[in-house]
Amino acid sequence: MSQEEQGLPTQDNDVKPEEGNNTINIKVVSSTGEEVFFKIKQSTKLIKLQSAYASKVGKDVNSIRFLYDGVRINDDDTPATLDMEDNDTIDVMVEQVGGTS
């Protein structure tokens, strides 16, 4: 039985150390000041964090926007591609539709 079949972590020879697969803590803060903390790998796509947050707060992931340093986070962004560091903050905004009459 292989390590993968036993549920044990396996070593991925394609992953380079400089990609930074170490985990970091990310704080997600809503416009009301509510904080939710996540621990994710530097290589994890942030869409996973976004989906987990939306599920936790009971909202549709498509109805909220995630910003890092004032810039909207894309589905394929990772903490590594955004140069995120441990204990960085992601801001969450509720999408607003309309505004003109």
C-alpha atoms as a PDB file:
ATOM      1  CA  MET A   1       0.000   0.000   0.000  1.00  0.00           C
ATOM      2  CA  SER A   2       1.453   3.380  -1.003  1.00  0.00           C
ATOM      3  CA  GLN A   3       1.786   6.394   1.302  1.00  0.00           C
ATOM      4  CA  GLU A   4      -1.004   8.131  -0.624  1.00  0.00           C
ATOM      5  CA  GLU A   5      -3.366   5.154  -0.188  1.00  0.00           C
ATOM      6  CA  GLN A   6      -2.603   5.132   3.543  1.00  0.00           C
ATOM      7  CA  GLY A   7      -3.572   8.797   3.777  1.00  0.00           C
ATOM      8  CA  LEU A   8       0.020   9.809   4.538  1.00  0.00           C
ATOM      9  CA  PRO A   9       1.557  12.916   3.018  1.00  0.00           C
ATOM     10  CA  THR A  10       3.586  12.296  -0.087  1.00  0.00           C
ATOM     11  CA  GLN A  11       6.537  14.214  -1.414  1.00  0.00           C
ATOM     12  CA  ASP A  12       5.867  16.048  -4.662  1.00  0.00           C
ATOM     13  CA  ASN A  13       9.093  16.142  -6.652  1.00  0.00           C
ATOM     14  CA  ASP A  14       7.683  18.828  -8.972  1.00  0.00           C
ATOM     15  CA  VAL A  15       7.345  21.377  -6.150  1.00  0.00           C
ATOM     16  CA  LYS A  16      10.303  23.703  -5.792  1.00  0.00           C
ATOM     17  CA  PRO A  17      11.202  25.000  -2.313  1.00  0.00           C
ATOM     18  CA  GLU A  18      11.294  28.610  -3.524  1.00  0.00           C
ATOM     19  CA  GLU A  19       7.578  28.406  -4.332  1.00  0.00           C
ATOM     20  CA  GLY A  20       7.004  28.562  -0.588  1.00  0.00           C
ATOM     21  CA  ASN A  21       4.697  25.717   0.406  1.00  0.00           C
ATOM     22  CA  ASN A  22       4.974  26.637   4.069  1.00  0.00           C
ATOM     23  CA  THR A  23       1.716  27.635   5.716  1.00  0.00           C
ATOM     24  CA  ILE A  24       0.759  31.141   6.702  1.00  0.00           C
ATOM     25  CA  ASN A  25      -2.058  32.567   8.776  1.00  0.00           C
ATOM     26  CA  ILE A  26      -4.477  34.870   6.969  1.00  0.00           C
ATOM     27  CA  LYS A  27      -7.071  37.060   8.645  1.00  0.00           C
ATOM     28  CA  VAL A  28     -10.249  37.773   6.667  1.00  0.00           C
ATOM     29  CA  VAL A  29     -12.053  40.894   7.889  1.00  0.00           C
ATOM     30  CA  SER A  30     -15.583  41.923   6.900  1.00  0.00           C
ATOM     31  CA  SER A  31     -16.788  45.523   6.577  1.00  0.00           C
ATOM     32  CA  THR A  32     -18.448  45.103  10.011  1.00  0.00           C
ATOM     33  CA  GLY A  33     -15.104  44.164  11.571  1.00  0.00           C
ATOM     34  CA  GLU A  34     -15.841  40.446  11.954  1.00  0.00           C
ATOM     35  CA  GLU A  35     -12.612  38.430  11.739  1.00  0.00           C
ATOM     36  CA  VAL A  36     -12.133  34.870  10.518  1.00  0.00           C
ATOM     37  CA  PHE A  37      -8.717  33.226  10.559  1.00  0.00           C
ATOM     38  CA  PHE A  38      -7.365  30.706   8.059  1.00  0.00           C
ATOM     39  CA  LYS A  39      -4.122  28.748   7.869  1.00  0.00           C
ATOM     40  CA  ILE A  40      -3.202  27.935   4.272  1.00  0.00           C
ATOM     41  CA  LYS A  41      -0.202  26.957   2.191  1.00  0.00           C
ATOM     42  CA  GLN A  42       1.550  29.604   0.126  1.00  0.00           C
ATOM     43  CA  SER A  43       0.696  27.576  -2.999  1.00  0.00           C
ATOM     44  CA  THR A  44      -3.045  27.141  -2.283  1.00  0.00           C
ATOM     45  CA  LYS A  45      -5.344  28.996  -4.660  1.00  0.00           C
ATOM     46  CA  LEU A  46      -7.231  31.653  -2.734  1.00  0.00           C
ATOM     47  CA  ILE A  47     -10.560  30.555  -4.270  1.00  0.00           C
ATOM     48  CA  LYS A  48     -10.470  27.749  -1.679  1.00  0.00           C
ATOM     49  CA  LEU A  49     -10.182  30.278   1.143  1.00  0.00           C
ATOM     50  CA  GLN A  50     -12.917  32.406  -0.438  1.00  0.00           C
ATOM     51  CA  SER A  51     -15.288  29.434  -0.703  1.00  0.00           C
ATOM     52  CA  ALA A  52     -14.564  28.370   2.876  1.00  0.00           C
ATOM     53  CA  TYR A  53     -15.215  31.898   4.150  1.00  0.00           C
ATOM     54  CA  ALA A  54     -18.463  32.235   2.196  1.00  0.00           C
ATOM     55  CA  SER A  55     -19.648  28.887   3.524  1.00  0.00           C
ATOM     56  CA  LYS A  56     -18.734  29.853   7.102  1.00  0.00           C
ATOM     57  CA  VAL A  57     -20.679  33.125   6.990  1.00  0.00           C
ATOM     58  CA  GLY A  58     -23.576  31.688   4.967  1.00  0.00           C
ATOM     59  CA  LYS A  59     -23.159  33.824   1.846  1.00  0.00           C
ATOM     60  CA  ASP A  60     -22.799  33.007  -1.833  1.00  0.00           C
ATOM     61  CA  VAL A  61     -19.139  33.362  -2.812  1.00  0.00           C
ATOM     62  CA  ASN A  62     -20.256  35.279  -5.921  1.00  0.00           C
ATOM     63  CA  SER A  63     -21.993  37.945  -3.808  1.00  0.00           C
ATOM     64  CA  ILE A  64     -18.853  38.997  -1.928  1.00  0.00           C
ATOM     65  CA  ARG A  65     -15.519  40.422  -3.034  1.00  0.00           C
ATOM     66  CA  PHE A  66     -12.112  39.762  -1.525  1.00  0.00           C
ATOM     67  CA  LEU A  67      -9.431  42.454  -1.554  1.00  0.00           C
ATOM     68  CA  TYR A  68      -5.768  42.330  -0.629  1.00  0.00           C
ATOM     69  CA  ASP A  69      -4.032  45.695  -0.316  1.00  0.00           C
ATOM     70  CA  GLY A  70      -7.057  47.264  -2.030  1.00  0.00           C
ATOM     71  CA  VAL A  71      -6.822  45.019  -5.102  1.00  0.00           C
ATOM     72  CA  ARG A  72      -9.425  42.395  -5.919  1.00  0.00           C
ATOM     73  CA  ILE A  73      -8.211  38.806  -5.525  1.00  0.00           C
ATOM     74  CA  ASN A  74      -8.599  36.586  -8.586  1.00  0.00           C
ATOM     75  CA  ASP A  75      -9.630  32.923  -8.369  1.00  0.00           C
ATOM     76  CA  ASP A  76      -6.201  31.649  -9.396  1.00  0.00           C
ATOM     77  CA  ASP A  77      -4.189  33.925  -7.086  1.00  0.00           C
ATOM     78  CA  THR A  78      -2.191  32.289  -4.308  1.00  0.00           C
ATOM     79  CA  PRO A  79      -0.534  33.848  -1.260  1.00  0.00           C
ATOM     80  CA  ALA A  80       2.803  33.341  -3.055  1.00  0.00           C
ATOM     81  CA  THR A  81       1.713  35.182  -6.224  1.00  0.00           C
ATOM     82  CA  LEU A  82       0.445  38.094  -4.109  1.00  0.00           C
ATOM     83  CA  ASP A  83       3.591  38.137  -1.916  1.00  0.00           C
ATOM     84  CA  MET A  84       1.453  37.614   1.182  1.00  0.00           C
ATOM     85  CA  GLU A  85       3.122  37.163   4.537  1.00  0.00           C
ATOM     86  CA  ASP A  86       2.089  35.513   7.777  1.00  0.00           C
ATOM     87  CA  ASN A  87      -0.768  37.376   9.540  1.00  0.00           C
ATOM     88  CA  ASP A  88      -1.725  39.438   6.470  1.00  0.00           C
ATOM     89  CA  THR A  89      -5.317  40.630   6.141  1.00  0.00           C
ATOM     90  CA  ILE A  90      -7.855  40.127   3.357  1.00  0.00           C
ATOM     91  CA  ASP A  91     -10.813  42.536   3.307  1.00  0.00           C
ATOM     92  CA  VAL A  92     -14.285  41.300   2.388  1.00  0.00           C
ATOM     93  CA  MET A  93     -16.887  43.538   0.771  1.00  0.00           C
ATOM     94  CA  VAL A  94     -20.489  42.740  -0.123  1.00  0.00           C
ATOM     95  CA  GLU A  95     -21.043  43.284  -3.826  1.00  0.00           C
ATOM     96  CA  GLN A  96     -23.349  46.195  -4.536  1.00  0.00           C
ATOM     97  CA  VAL A  97     -25.460  46.306  -7.668  1.00  0.00           C
ATOM     98  CA  GLY A  98     -26.806  49.494  -9.143  1.00  0.00           C
ATOM     99  CA  GLY A  99     -26.445  52.882  -7.574  1.00  0.00           C
ATOM    100  CA  THR A 100     -27.798  55.129 -10.315  1.00  0.00           C
ATOM    101  CA  SER A 101     -31.366  56.023 -10.994  1.00  0.00           C
END
